[in-house]
Each structure stands twice: as C-alpha cells, then as structure tokens.
Amino acid sequence: MFQALAAFFGKWYGRFKAFCLLAGAWGFLFSVNSLIGFQAGFEYDDGLVYSTPAFQAAAKDNLEPGTPDYWNSVNRSFNYERLKPVPWLAAWTLKALGVKIAVFCDRGSEGSDSLEASWRRLADYFYFTAAEDAKYRLLEKHRFILYAAPSDAGVIQARKAGVTPLRVRKSPKSAGALESNPGKFGERVLPLSAF
C-alpha cells in the first residue's frame, strides 16, 4: 500500500514539476517579448482571412475600385469574409508569447473603424498601406520579428526590411490581384494556410 501511495505521489510530483517548468519558460518568454516590444505582422487579405467576398460585395454596388466609397464598402463588409484558421492560430500563439500583433491591409482606411473593432482582441495595431514602400518603412521602423504574407510583394518587403518572412498560401478561389508563388524566395511556408 505504501508503494502504491509513493508511486501515486511520485507521478503527480513529476507532472507538477513539468508544469512549473513550462509555466516558468512561458513567463520568461512572455516577459522578454513584452519588454523588448517585439511585433509580428500579418497581411489581412488572403493572409488572416479569405476576403474575396468583401470585394465582391463592393463590386455589386457598382463602386469605382480605389475610391473612398469603394474602400468604405469593402471595410464594412468584413462579415462576408472567412477566417483562415492556421494563420489565425499562429497569430494567437505569438500573442500568447507576448509578441504584439500588427495587421497590414492593402486597402484604404475609409470605414475601417468597425473592421478594427472586430479584431481588437488579436490585433494591437492596424496599418493601412497604400503602397508597398509604406509597408517596408513600417517593417523597418518597428521591431518586427516575423511578417506573414500571401503575396510575393509582401515577402520582398519583409526581406528588404530584414524581417523573417513567412508565406501564407492564398486560397485557390481568391480574386486577389497580388502575385503569389510560395517558396519562390526560399521563405518558409505555413502549412494548411490556404483554407
């Protein structure tokens, strides 16, 4: 009987020790990342979400692409978009480790208040970049350790800024105009990220 009790307590003591070690490691990583202010960037369109339905909704309204009314319609149609689980989980994992999450949108900022509010739990920063050069300047200026992008242009800007790129696969049904060739620049590709 004493051997059974000793084995029981020994087993649970080993589990408690492993839990304390993991909790301590997480606490250390969270503190270091929070204090240094590391950030990870994720492209919104075809990165975190499949956003083609929002663009199609704006096209149904016969709005001129690129105008403030067009961007207002696209940004307010976020309910039509579909979340991509693997990039979303990757972003939350980094957030749990104390890394600030920045979301990059290749669109105008008109009508973006409701879009930003719907992502406020995950996204610490929202950047609306009209040009790839603006994206490069932001990546270079802040302490980004990772940039997840479906487009070749996003990967190029990350490399140019000295940030580690991570390729997110575009959905095969995506109507996004930016070119995407996973692995073309030797970057790591996030598996199962096309869905």
Protein backbone atom coordinates (compact mmCIF):
# COMPACT_ATOMS: atom_id res chain seq x y z
CA MET A 1 0.00 0.00 0.00
CA PHE A 2 2.84 2.42 0.84
CA GLN A 3 4.47 1.64 -2.50
CA ALA A 4 1.23 2.45 -4.33
CA LEU A 5 0.93 5.77 -2.45
CA ALA A 6 4.59 6.59 -3.12
CA ALA A 7 4.15 5.79 -6.82
CA PHE A 8 0.98 7.92 -6.97
CA PHE A 9 2.58 10.95 -5.30
CA GLY A 10 5.78 10.47 -7.30
CA LYS A 11 3.83 10.50 -10.56
CA TRP A 12 1.89 13.67 -9.64
CA TYR A 13 5.01 15.37 -8.28
CA GLY A 14 6.73 14.73 -11.65
CA ARG A 15 3.75 16.23 -13.50
CA PHE A 16 3.71 19.25 -11.18
CA LYS A 17 7.45 19.79 -11.76
CA ALA A 18 6.95 19.62 -15.56
CA PHE A 19 4.04 22.08 -15.34
CA CYS A 20 6.11 24.52 -13.25
CA LEU A 21 8.99 24.29 -15.72
CA LEU A 22 6.68 25.01 -18.68
CA ALA A 23 4.93 27.85 -16.84
CA GLY A 24 8.29 29.38 -15.93
CA ALA A 25 9.53 29.14 -19.53
CA TRP A 26 6.31 30.75 -20.82
CA GLY A 27 6.57 33.52 -18.21
CA PHE A 28 10.17 34.23 -19.21
CA LEU A 29 9.35 34.35 -22.95
CA PHE A 30 6.25 36.49 -22.39
CA SER A 31 8.19 38.97 -20.23
CA VAL A 32 11.13 39.27 -22.62
CA ASN A 33 8.91 39.70 -25.68
CA SER A 34 6.68 42.23 -23.92
CA LEU A 35 9.56 44.30 -22.54
CA ILE A 36 11.50 44.41 -25.79
CA GLY A 37 8.34 45.14 -27.78
CA PHE A 38 8.66 42.51 -30.49
CA GLN A 39 5.95 42.58 -33.16
CA ALA A 40 4.71 40.14 -35.79
CA GLY A 41 2.94 41.38 -38.89
CA PHE A 42 0.18 39.55 -40.73
CA GLU A 43 -1.36 40.60 -44.02
CA TYR A 44 -5.12 40.72 -43.72
CA ASP A 45 -6.35 40.00 -47.25
CA ASP A 46 -5.66 36.33 -48.13
CA GLY A 47 -3.46 36.16 -45.03
CA LEU A 48 -5.67 36.11 -41.95
CA VAL A 49 -8.93 35.96 -43.91
CA TYR A 50 -10.30 34.97 -47.27
CA SER A 51 -11.55 38.44 -48.20
CA THR A 52 -12.75 37.97 -51.79
CA PRO A 53 -16.46 38.07 -50.75
CA ALA A 54 -16.00 41.59 -49.28
CA PHE A 55 -14.51 42.81 -52.55
CA GLN A 56 -17.32 41.12 -54.49
CA ALA A 57 -19.90 42.90 -52.30
CA ALA A 58 -18.31 46.26 -53.17
CA ALA A 59 -18.29 45.32 -56.86
CA LYS A 60 -22.04 44.50 -56.71
CA ASP A 61 -22.66 48.07 -55.56
CA ASN A 62 -21.02 49.27 -58.81
CA LEU A 63 -18.44 51.32 -56.94
CA GLU A 64 -15.26 52.52 -58.64
CA PRO A 65 -12.30 50.48 -57.26
CA GLY A 66 -9.91 52.59 -55.22
CA THR A 67 -12.37 55.36 -54.35
CA PRO A 68 -13.22 56.21 -50.72
CA ASP A 69 -16.76 54.81 -51.16
CA TYR A 70 -15.32 51.55 -52.50
CA TRP A 71 -12.96 51.13 -49.52
CA ASN A 72 -15.78 52.06 -47.15
CA SER A 73 -17.91 49.27 -48.63
CA VAL A 74 -15.06 46.72 -48.56
CA ASN A 75 -14.07 47.52 -44.97
CA ARG A 76 -17.66 47.37 -43.74
CA SER A 77 -18.30 44.02 -45.50
CA PHE A 78 -15.98 42.09 -43.18
CA ASN A 79 -18.87 39.84 -42.12
CA TYR A 80 -18.71 38.19 -45.56
CA GLU A 81 -15.04 37.26 -45.11
CA ARG A 82 -13.94 33.82 -43.92
CA LEU A 83 -11.31 33.39 -41.22
CA LYS A 84 -8.29 31.26 -42.14
CA PRO A 85 -7.71 29.01 -39.07
CA VAL A 86 -3.98 28.24 -39.37
CA PRO A 87 -2.72 31.85 -39.73
CA TRP A 88 -5.20 32.94 -37.04
CA LEU A 89 -3.87 30.29 -34.63
CA ALA A 90 -0.28 31.26 -35.45
CA ALA A 91 -1.08 34.88 -34.61
CA TRP A 92 -2.74 33.92 -31.33
CA THR A 93 0.22 31.69 -30.40
CA LEU A 94 2.60 34.60 -30.89
CA LYS A 95 0.26 36.89 -28.93
CA ALA A 96 0.24 34.36 -26.05
CA LEU A 97 4.05 34.58 -26.03
CA GLY A 98 3.93 38.35 -25.57
CA VAL A 99 4.51 39.38 -29.19
CA LYS A 100 2.38 42.33 -30.37
CA ILE A 101 0.34 41.57 -33.49
CA ALA A 102 0.13 44.09 -36.33
CA VAL A 103 -2.34 43.62 -39.18
CA PHE A 104 -1.47 45.08 -42.59
CA CYS A 105 -4.24 45.88 -45.05
CA ASP A 106 -3.54 46.73 -48.70
CA ARG A 107 -6.61 48.97 -48.87
CA GLY A 108 -7.84 52.40 -48.00
CA SER A 109 -8.72 53.16 -44.39
CA GLU A 110 -12.20 54.60 -45.10
CA GLY A 111 -14.84 52.85 -43.00
CA SER A 112 -12.25 50.75 -41.15
CA ASP A 113 -13.46 51.53 -37.63
CA SER A 114 -15.81 48.53 -37.48
CA LEU A 115 -13.19 46.24 -39.05
CA GLU A 116 -10.60 47.29 -36.48
CA ALA A 117 -13.12 46.87 -33.66
CA SER A 118 -13.89 43.30 -34.74
CA TRP A 119 -10.16 42.40 -34.50
CA ARG A 120 -9.33 44.38 -31.32
CA ARG A 121 -8.64 41.26 -29.21
CA LEU A 122 -5.95 39.96 -31.53
CA ALA A 123 -4.58 43.00 -33.33
CA ASP A 124 -2.59 45.54 -31.35
CA TYR A 125 -2.00 47.67 -34.46
CA PHE A 126 -3.79 48.10 -37.79
CA TYR A 127 -1.84 49.55 -40.71
CA PHE A 128 -3.48 50.55 -43.99
CA THR A 129 -0.69 50.69 -46.54
CA ALA A 130 -1.48 52.23 -49.88
CA ALA A 131 1.93 51.31 -51.33
CA GLU A 132 4.47 48.55 -50.78
CA ASP A 133 7.07 51.18 -49.84
CA ALA A 134 4.90 52.25 -46.88
CA LYS A 135 4.84 48.63 -45.72
CA TYR A 136 8.64 48.47 -45.94
CA ARG A 137 9.04 51.65 -43.89
CA LEU A 138 6.77 50.30 -41.14
CA LEU A 139 8.55 46.93 -41.05
CA GLU A 140 11.92 48.63 -40.84
CA LYS A 141 10.91 51.21 -38.22
CA HIS A 142 9.34 48.87 -35.63
CA ARG A 143 10.75 45.73 -34.00
CA PHE A 144 9.19 43.11 -36.26
CA ILE A 145 10.48 39.57 -35.90
CA LEU A 146 8.09 37.98 -38.41
CA TYR A 147 5.94 39.02 -41.34
CA ALA A 148 3.33 36.60 -42.67
CA ALA A 149 2.24 37.39 -46.23
CA PRO A 150 0.49 35.61 -49.09
CA SER A 151 1.94 37.94 -51.74
CA ASP A 152 5.38 37.96 -53.32
CA ALA A 153 5.49 41.72 -52.75
CA GLY A 154 4.97 41.26 -49.00
CA VAL A 155 7.78 38.70 -48.79
CA ILE A 156 10.09 41.03 -50.76
CA GLN A 157 9.31 43.97 -48.42
CA ALA A 158 9.98 41.80 -45.35
CA ARG A 159 13.32 40.62 -46.74
CA LYS A 160 14.24 44.18 -47.67
CA ALA A 161 13.49 45.33 -44.10
CA GLY A 162 15.47 42.46 -42.55
CA VAL A 163 12.35 40.75 -41.14
CA THR A 164 11.82 36.98 -41.32
CA PRO A 165 9.09 36.30 -43.92
CA LEU A 166 6.51 33.55 -43.55
CA ARG A 167 4.43 32.64 -46.58
CA VAL A 168 0.70 32.17 -46.13
CA ARG A 169 -0.88 30.35 -49.05
CA LYS A 170 -3.66 32.11 -50.94
CA SER A 171 -6.98 30.39 -51.35
CA PRO A 172 -7.37 28.87 -54.84
CA LYS A 173 -10.64 30.84 -55.15
CA SER A 174 -9.05 34.17 -54.24
CA ALA A 175 -9.59 37.10 -56.59
CA GLY A 176 -6.61 38.99 -55.10
CA ALA A 177 -4.51 40.73 -57.72
CA LEU A 178 -1.13 40.37 -56.00
CA GLU A 179 1.07 37.59 -57.33
CA SER A 180 1.76 34.64 -55.03
CA ASN A 181 4.41 31.96 -55.63
CA PRO A 182 5.03 30.09 -52.35
CA GLY A 183 8.68 29.20 -51.77
CA LYS A 184 9.94 31.36 -54.64
CA PHE A 185 12.27 33.33 -52.37
CA GLY A 186 13.29 30.45 -50.12
CA GLU A 187 10.90 31.53 -47.36
CA ARG A 188 9.14 29.10 -45.03
CA VAL A 189 5.55 28.31 -45.98
CA LEU A 190 2.85 27.97 -43.31
CA PRO A 191 1.25 24.54 -43.89
CA LEU A 192 -2.52 24.25 -44.43
CA SER A 193 -2.82 28.04 -44.62
CA ALA A 194 -4.74 28.12 -47.92
CA PHE A 195 -8.03 27.18 -46.26
